[in-house]
């Protein structure tokens, strides 16, 4: 089988389907969010952001999104408590809830 025929067997990968499996270490989250390790550690405790890992915190994509939302709210002038609350409310609003059933 020629290399071009082999390549024809392949299909595009939808990375979005696998994105939820990605986990990042504290330093990586800090780099993405543009905050210090001290800030992230404090926010994680204050906002009770769930993490994995014992020796080093590991953040899943939901946690990273929460951190990014808090950062966005802080950048817009909210204090940390208000930023945490805004991030929670935003995530609740964006989460698909159970569909309402309409009965005739």
Protein backbone atom coordinates (compact mmCIF):
# COMPACT_ATOMS: atom_id res chain seq x y z
CA UNK A 1 0.00 0.00 0.00
CA UNK A 2 1.48 3.33 -1.02
CA UNK A 3 1.90 6.15 1.55
CA UNK A 4 -0.76 8.29 -0.16
CA UNK A 5 -3.24 5.41 -0.02
CA UNK A 6 -2.44 4.89 3.65
CA UNK A 7 -3.15 8.56 4.33
CA UNK A 8 -6.51 8.20 2.56
CA UNK A 9 -7.56 5.73 5.26
CA UNK A 10 -7.39 8.43 7.92
CA UNK A 11 -10.19 10.75 8.97
CA UNK A 12 -10.02 14.16 10.68
CA UNK A 13 -9.81 14.05 14.47
CA UNK A 14 -12.35 16.12 16.42
CA UNK A 15 -10.12 17.28 19.28
CA UNK A 16 -13.07 19.00 20.97
CA UNK A 17 -14.44 15.55 21.83
CA UNK A 18 -11.27 14.78 23.80
CA UNK A 19 -10.65 18.19 25.34
CA UNK A 20 -12.53 17.30 28.53
CA UNK A 21 -9.98 14.59 29.30
CA UNK A 22 -7.09 17.06 29.51
CA UNK A 23 -5.70 17.80 32.96
CA UNK A 24 -3.14 20.50 33.75
CA UNK A 25 -0.73 21.14 36.58
CA UNK A 26 -0.89 24.29 38.69
CA UNK A 27 1.94 26.01 36.79
CA UNK A 28 0.32 25.32 33.44
CA UNK A 29 -2.99 26.77 34.61
CA UNK A 30 -1.17 29.87 35.88
CA UNK A 31 0.51 30.31 32.52
CA UNK A 32 -2.78 29.99 30.63
CA UNK A 33 -4.73 32.27 32.99
CA UNK A 34 -1.96 34.82 33.42
CA UNK A 35 -1.92 34.66 37.22
CA UNK A 36 0.66 33.74 39.83
CA UNK A 37 0.86 30.39 41.60
CA UNK A 38 0.06 32.17 44.85
CA UNK A 39 -3.11 33.66 43.32
CA UNK A 40 -4.22 30.31 41.88
CA UNK A 41 -3.62 28.53 45.17
CA UNK A 42 -5.62 31.18 47.04
CA UNK A 43 -8.45 31.21 44.50
CA UNK A 44 -8.59 27.40 44.53
CA UNK A 45 -9.07 27.39 48.29
CA UNK A 46 -11.41 30.37 48.42
CA UNK A 47 -13.63 29.21 45.52
CA UNK A 48 -13.35 25.54 46.52
CA UNK A 49 -12.27 24.60 43.00
CA UNK A 50 -11.96 20.80 42.86
CA UNK A 51 -8.52 19.46 42.00
CA UNK A 52 -6.82 16.08 41.81
CA UNK A 53 -3.38 15.05 42.94
CA UNK A 54 -1.72 14.89 46.30
CA UNK A 55 1.75 16.39 45.93
CA UNK A 56 0.75 18.82 43.19
CA UNK A 57 -2.69 20.05 42.25
CA UNK A 58 -4.07 18.90 38.93
CA UNK A 59 -6.89 20.85 37.29
CA UNK A 60 -9.41 19.45 34.81
CA UNK A 61 -10.89 21.64 32.08
CA UNK A 62 -13.93 22.58 34.18
CA UNK A 63 -11.61 23.89 36.89
CA UNK A 64 -9.50 25.76 34.33
CA UNK A 65 -12.63 27.38 32.93
CA UNK A 66 -13.66 28.47 36.43
CA UNK A 67 -10.22 30.01 37.01
CA UNK A 68 -10.39 31.82 33.67
CA UNK A 69 -13.86 33.18 34.47
CA UNK A 70 -12.68 34.42 37.88
CA UNK A 71 -9.71 36.11 36.21
CA UNK A 72 -12.01 37.73 33.65
CA UNK A 73 -14.30 39.03 36.39
CA UNK A 74 -11.34 40.35 38.42
CA UNK A 75 -10.00 42.09 35.31
CA UNK A 76 -13.40 43.80 34.95
CA UNK A 77 -13.11 45.22 38.46
CA UNK A 78 -14.96 42.74 40.67
CA UNK A 79 -13.50 41.81 44.03
CA UNK A 80 -12.59 38.15 44.52
CA UNK A 81 -15.82 37.16 46.28
CA UNK A 82 -17.95 38.77 43.58
CA UNK A 83 -15.74 37.27 40.86
CA UNK A 84 -16.17 33.77 42.30
CA UNK A 85 -19.94 34.28 42.53
CA UNK A 86 -20.10 35.61 38.96
CA UNK A 87 -18.08 32.63 37.68
CA UNK A 88 -20.39 30.17 39.46
CA UNK A 89 -23.53 31.85 38.14
CA UNK A 90 -22.13 31.98 34.62
CA UNK A 91 -21.22 28.28 34.70
CA UNK A 92 -24.65 27.34 36.07
CA UNK A 93 -26.30 29.33 33.29
CA UNK A 94 -24.10 27.73 30.62
CA UNK A 95 -24.55 24.14 31.88
CA UNK A 96 -27.22 22.31 29.90
CA UNK A 97 -30.00 21.49 32.33
CA UNK A 98 -32.71 18.88 32.05
CA UNK A 99 -35.01 19.55 29.15
CA UNK A 100 -38.50 20.60 30.07
CA UNK A 101 -41.17 18.33 28.71
CA UNK A 102 -44.22 19.91 27.27
CA UNK A 103 -47.41 17.93 27.60
CA UNK A 104 -50.39 18.81 25.42
